[in-house]
Amino acid sequence: SKFIEILTYKAKWYGRDLIKIDTFFASSQLCNNCGYKNEEVKDLKIRNWKCSECGKVHDRDINASKNILDEGLKMQKAS
């Protein structure tokens, strides 16, 4: 897509790596505190949820962004 082209160009321009996360990575379903996968929050209407394992309360978007960052860093280390 054009957006990916622009990101790739900008990453190279600034000497950075662009790491692509799998489209089906369950970023909003994983607790970024303990790693528990809550499949009940697949519904996009659910904006906040509490992890049944560790009790941490999550904002869906903030939690997903932290999980995407963590996954990208793992992928970068592995390469």
N, C-alpha and C. Protein backbone atom coordinates (compact mmCIF):
# COMPACT_ATOMS: atom_id res chain seq x y z
N SER A 1 0.83 -1.19 0.00
CA SER A 1 0.00 0.00 0.00
C SER A 1 0.88 1.26 0.00
N LYS A 2 0.27 2.35 -0.32
CA LYS A 2 0.99 3.63 -0.38
C LYS A 2 1.51 4.01 1.01
N PHE A 3 0.71 3.75 2.03
CA PHE A 3 1.12 4.08 3.40
C PHE A 3 2.40 3.34 3.79
N ILE A 4 2.48 2.06 3.46
CA ILE A 4 3.68 1.26 3.76
C ILE A 4 4.88 1.79 2.97
N GLU A 5 4.64 2.19 1.72
CA GLU A 5 5.71 2.78 0.91
C GLU A 5 6.28 4.02 1.59
N ILE A 6 5.40 4.87 2.07
CA ILE A 6 5.83 6.11 2.73
C ILE A 6 6.59 5.79 4.01
N LEU A 7 6.07 4.86 4.81
CA LEU A 7 6.76 4.47 6.05
C LEU A 7 8.14 3.89 5.76
N THR A 8 8.23 3.05 4.74
CA THR A 8 9.52 2.45 4.36
C THR A 8 10.51 3.53 3.95
N TYR A 9 10.06 4.47 3.13
CA TYR A 9 10.91 5.58 2.69
C TYR A 9 11.40 6.40 3.88
N LYS A 10 10.48 6.77 4.77
CA LYS A 10 10.84 7.59 5.93
C LYS A 10 11.78 6.84 6.87
N ALA A 11 11.55 5.55 7.06
CA ALA A 11 12.43 4.76 7.92
C ALA A 11 13.86 4.76 7.36
N LYS A 12 13.99 4.53 6.06
CA LYS A 12 15.32 4.55 5.43
C LYS A 12 15.95 5.94 5.54
N TRP A 13 15.16 6.97 5.31
CA TRP A 13 15.62 8.36 5.37
C TRP A 13 16.26 8.67 6.73
N TYR A 14 15.62 8.16 7.79
CA TYR A 14 16.10 8.43 9.15
C TYR A 14 16.99 7.32 9.70
N GLY A 15 17.37 6.36 8.86
CA GLY A 15 18.26 5.28 9.29
C GLY A 15 17.61 4.32 10.27
N ARG A 16 16.34 4.10 10.12
CA ARG A 16 15.58 3.22 11.02
C ARG A 16 15.12 1.98 10.28
N ASP A 17 14.72 0.99 11.07
CA ASP A 17 14.15 -0.23 10.51
C ASP A 17 12.63 -0.15 10.58
N LEU A 18 11.97 -0.65 9.55
CA LEU A 18 10.52 -0.79 9.57
C LEU A 18 10.23 -2.27 9.78
N ILE A 19 9.60 -2.58 10.88
CA ILE A 19 9.28 -3.96 11.22
C ILE A 19 7.78 -4.14 11.07
N LYS A 20 7.38 -5.08 10.23
CA LYS A 20 5.96 -5.31 9.97
C LYS A 20 5.46 -6.45 10.87
N ILE A 21 4.43 -6.16 11.63
CA ILE A 21 3.81 -7.14 12.51
C ILE A 21 2.72 -7.86 11.72
N ASP A 22 2.57 -9.15 11.97
CA ASP A 22 1.54 -9.95 11.30
C ASP A 22 0.16 -9.32 11.49
N THR A 23 -0.60 -9.27 10.43
CA THR A 23 -1.95 -8.70 10.45
C THR A 23 -2.83 -9.35 11.51
N PHE A 24 -2.63 -10.64 11.75
CA PHE A 24 -3.48 -11.37 12.68
C PHE A 24 -2.91 -11.45 14.09
N PHE A 25 -1.85 -10.70 14.39
CA PHE A 25 -1.31 -10.64 15.75
C PHE A 25 -2.39 -10.08 16.66
N ALA A 26 -2.69 -10.78 17.74
CA ALA A 26 -3.81 -10.42 18.64
C ALA A 26 -3.41 -9.33 19.62
N SER A 27 -3.01 -8.18 19.10
CA SER A 27 -2.46 -7.11 19.94
C SER A 27 -3.42 -6.59 20.99
N SER A 28 -4.69 -6.50 20.68
CA SER A 28 -5.64 -5.94 21.65
C SER A 28 -6.18 -6.99 22.61
N GLN A 29 -5.93 -8.25 22.33
CA GLN A 29 -6.43 -9.33 23.18
C GLN A 29 -5.43 -9.77 24.24
N LEU A 30 -4.16 -9.43 24.06
CA LEU A 30 -3.12 -9.86 25.00
C LEU A 30 -2.94 -8.84 26.11
N CYS A 31 -2.88 -9.32 27.34
CA CYS A 31 -2.58 -8.44 28.46
C CYS A 31 -1.10 -8.09 28.38
N ASN A 32 -0.79 -6.80 28.29
CA ASN A 32 0.62 -6.42 28.17
C ASN A 32 1.36 -6.53 29.50
N ASN A 33 0.64 -6.87 30.57
CA ASN A 33 1.26 -7.04 31.87
C ASN A 33 1.68 -8.50 32.11
N CYS A 34 0.78 -9.46 31.81
CA CYS A 34 1.08 -10.86 32.12
C CYS A 34 1.07 -11.78 30.90
N GLY A 35 0.56 -11.29 29.75
CA GLY A 35 0.55 -12.09 28.53
C GLY A 35 -0.70 -12.92 28.32
N TYR A 36 -1.65 -12.87 29.25
CA TYR A 36 -2.90 -13.64 29.11
C TYR A 36 -3.66 -13.18 27.87
N LYS A 37 -4.20 -14.15 27.10
CA LYS A 37 -4.97 -13.82 25.91
C LYS A 37 -6.46 -13.90 26.23
N ASN A 38 -7.13 -12.76 26.16
CA ASN A 38 -8.55 -12.66 26.45
C ASN A 38 -9.31 -12.59 25.13
N GLU A 39 -9.84 -13.72 24.68
CA GLU A 39 -10.53 -13.76 23.39
C GLU A 39 -11.91 -13.11 23.45
N GLU A 40 -12.38 -12.79 24.65
CA GLU A 40 -13.69 -12.15 24.79
C GLU A 40 -13.68 -10.70 24.32
N VAL A 41 -12.51 -10.11 24.15
CA VAL A 41 -12.43 -8.70 23.76
C VAL A 41 -12.22 -8.51 22.26
N LYS A 42 -12.54 -9.53 21.47
CA LYS A 42 -12.45 -9.40 20.01
C LYS A 42 -13.41 -8.34 19.48
N ASP A 43 -14.52 -8.16 20.16
CA ASP A 43 -15.53 -7.18 19.77
C ASP A 43 -14.96 -5.77 19.89
N LEU A 44 -14.94 -5.03 18.79
CA LEU A 44 -14.36 -3.69 18.78
C LEU A 44 -15.11 -2.69 19.65
N LYS A 45 -16.32 -3.03 20.04
CA LYS A 45 -17.10 -2.15 20.92
C LYS A 45 -16.53 -2.12 22.34
N ILE A 46 -15.79 -3.16 22.69
CA ILE A 46 -15.20 -3.22 24.03
C ILE A 46 -13.94 -2.37 24.03
N ARG A 47 -13.98 -1.23 24.70
CA ARG A 47 -12.87 -0.28 24.70
C ARG A 47 -11.95 -0.45 25.90
N ASN A 48 -12.47 -0.98 26.99
CA ASN A 48 -11.69 -1.21 28.21
C ASN A 48 -11.99 -2.60 28.72
N TRP A 49 -10.97 -3.24 29.27
CA TRP A 49 -11.20 -4.56 29.85
C TRP A 49 -10.21 -4.82 30.97
N LYS A 50 -10.60 -5.73 31.87
CA LYS A 50 -9.77 -6.09 33.01
C LYS A 50 -9.27 -7.51 32.81
N CYS A 51 -7.97 -7.70 32.96
CA CYS A 51 -7.37 -9.03 32.80
C CYS A 51 -7.83 -9.93 33.94
N SER A 52 -8.35 -11.09 33.58
CA SER A 52 -8.84 -12.03 34.59
C SER A 52 -7.70 -12.76 35.30
N GLU A 53 -6.49 -12.67 34.77
CA GLU A 53 -5.34 -13.33 35.40
C GLU A 53 -4.61 -12.43 36.39
N CYS A 54 -4.29 -11.20 35.98
CA CYS A 54 -3.49 -10.32 36.86
C CYS A 54 -4.27 -9.12 37.40
N GLY A 55 -5.47 -8.87 36.85
CA GLY A 55 -6.31 -7.79 37.36
C GLY A 55 -6.05 -6.41 36.77
N LYS A 56 -5.09 -6.31 35.87
CA LYS A 56 -4.79 -5.00 35.28
C LYS A 56 -5.92 -4.55 34.35
N VAL A 57 -6.28 -3.28 34.44
CA VAL A 57 -7.32 -2.71 33.59
C VAL A 57 -6.65 -2.08 32.37
N HIS A 58 -7.20 -2.39 31.19
CA HIS A 58 -6.60 -1.95 29.93
C HIS A 58 -7.53 -1.06 29.13
N ASP A 59 -6.96 -0.01 28.54
CA ASP A 59 -7.58 0.71 27.44
C ASP A 59 -7.17 -0.07 26.19
N ARG A 60 -8.12 -0.45 25.38
CA ARG A 60 -7.85 -1.32 24.24
C ARG A 60 -6.71 -0.81 23.35
N ASP A 61 -6.73 0.47 22.99
CA ASP A 61 -5.74 1.01 22.05
C ASP A 61 -4.35 1.14 22.67
N ILE A 62 -4.29 1.58 23.91
CA ILE A 62 -3.00 1.71 24.58
C ILE A 62 -2.37 0.34 24.79
N ASN A 63 -3.18 -0.62 25.23
CA ASN A 63 -2.69 -1.99 25.42
C ASN A 63 -2.17 -2.56 24.10
N ALA A 64 -2.93 -2.37 23.02
CA ALA A 64 -2.52 -2.89 21.71
C ALA A 64 -1.21 -2.26 21.26
N SER A 65 -1.06 -0.95 21.47
CA SER A 65 0.17 -0.28 21.03
C SER A 65 1.39 -0.80 21.80
N LYS A 66 1.22 -1.08 23.08
CA LYS A 66 2.33 -1.64 23.87
C LYS A 66 2.68 -3.04 23.38
N ASN A 67 1.66 -3.84 23.06
CA ASN A 67 1.91 -5.19 22.56
C ASN A 67 2.57 -5.17 21.19
N ILE A 68 2.18 -4.24 20.34
CA ILE A 68 2.80 -4.12 19.01
C ILE A 68 4.27 -3.71 19.15
N LEU A 69 4.55 -2.77 20.04
CA LEU A 69 5.94 -2.37 20.28
C LEU A 69 6.76 -3.55 20.79
N ASP A 70 6.23 -4.28 21.77
CA ASP A 70 6.95 -5.44 22.32
C ASP A 70 7.21 -6.50 21.25
N GLU A 71 6.20 -6.76 20.42
CA GLU A 71 6.34 -7.76 19.35
C GLU A 71 7.39 -7.30 18.33
N GLY A 72 7.37 -6.04 17.97
CA GLY A 72 8.36 -5.51 17.04
C GLY A 72 9.78 -5.61 17.58
N LEU A 73 9.94 -5.31 18.87
CA LEU A 73 11.27 -5.42 19.49
C LEU A 73 11.75 -6.86 19.54
N LYS A 74 10.83 -7.80 19.80
CA LYS A 74 11.18 -9.23 19.78
C LYS A 74 11.62 -9.65 18.38
N MET A 75 10.88 -9.20 17.37
CA MET A 75 11.23 -9.54 15.99
C MET A 75 12.56 -8.94 15.59
N GLN A 76 12.84 -7.74 16.06
CA GLN A 76 14.10 -7.07 15.74
C GLN A 76 15.27 -7.83 16.37
N LYS A 77 15.11 -8.27 17.61
CA LYS A 77 16.17 -9.02 18.28
C LYS A 77 16.43 -10.35 17.59
N ALA A 78 15.35 -10.99 17.11
CA ALA A 78 15.47 -12.30 16.48
C ALA A 78 16.15 -12.23 15.11
N SER A 79 16.14 -11.06 14.49
CA SER A 79 16.72 -10.97 13.13
C SER A 79 18.19 -10.61 13.16
